Amino acid sequence: MIKSMVMPSYIHHSENTLAI
């Protein structure tokens, strides 16, 4: 349950870091 929420959150963060 939590993993489902953390997974998308982590991917979004990773993309943001890559964009920077």
Protein backbone atom coordinates (compact mmCIF):
# COMPACT_ATOMS: atom_id res chain seq x y z
CA MET A 1 0.00 0.00 0.00
CA ILE A 2 2.62 2.52 1.11
CA LYS A 3 5.03 1.30 -1.58
CA SER A 4 2.46 2.22 -4.21
CA MET A 5 2.48 5.81 -2.94
CA VAL A 6 6.23 5.97 -2.38
CA MET A 7 7.09 4.45 -5.76
CA PRO A 8 5.44 7.20 -7.85
CA SER A 9 6.76 9.83 -5.44
CA TYR A 10 10.32 8.53 -5.74
CA ILE A 11 10.13 8.38 -9.54
CA HIS A 12 8.82 11.94 -9.66
CA HIS A 13 11.69 13.09 -7.44
CA SER A 14 14.22 11.28 -9.59
CA GLU A 15 12.94 12.99 -12.73
CA ASN A 16 13.12 16.36 -10.99
CA THR A 17 16.70 15.76 -9.95
CA LEU A 18 17.60 14.72 -13.50
CA ALA A 19 15.96 17.83 -14.90
CA ILE A 20 18.04 19.98 -12.58
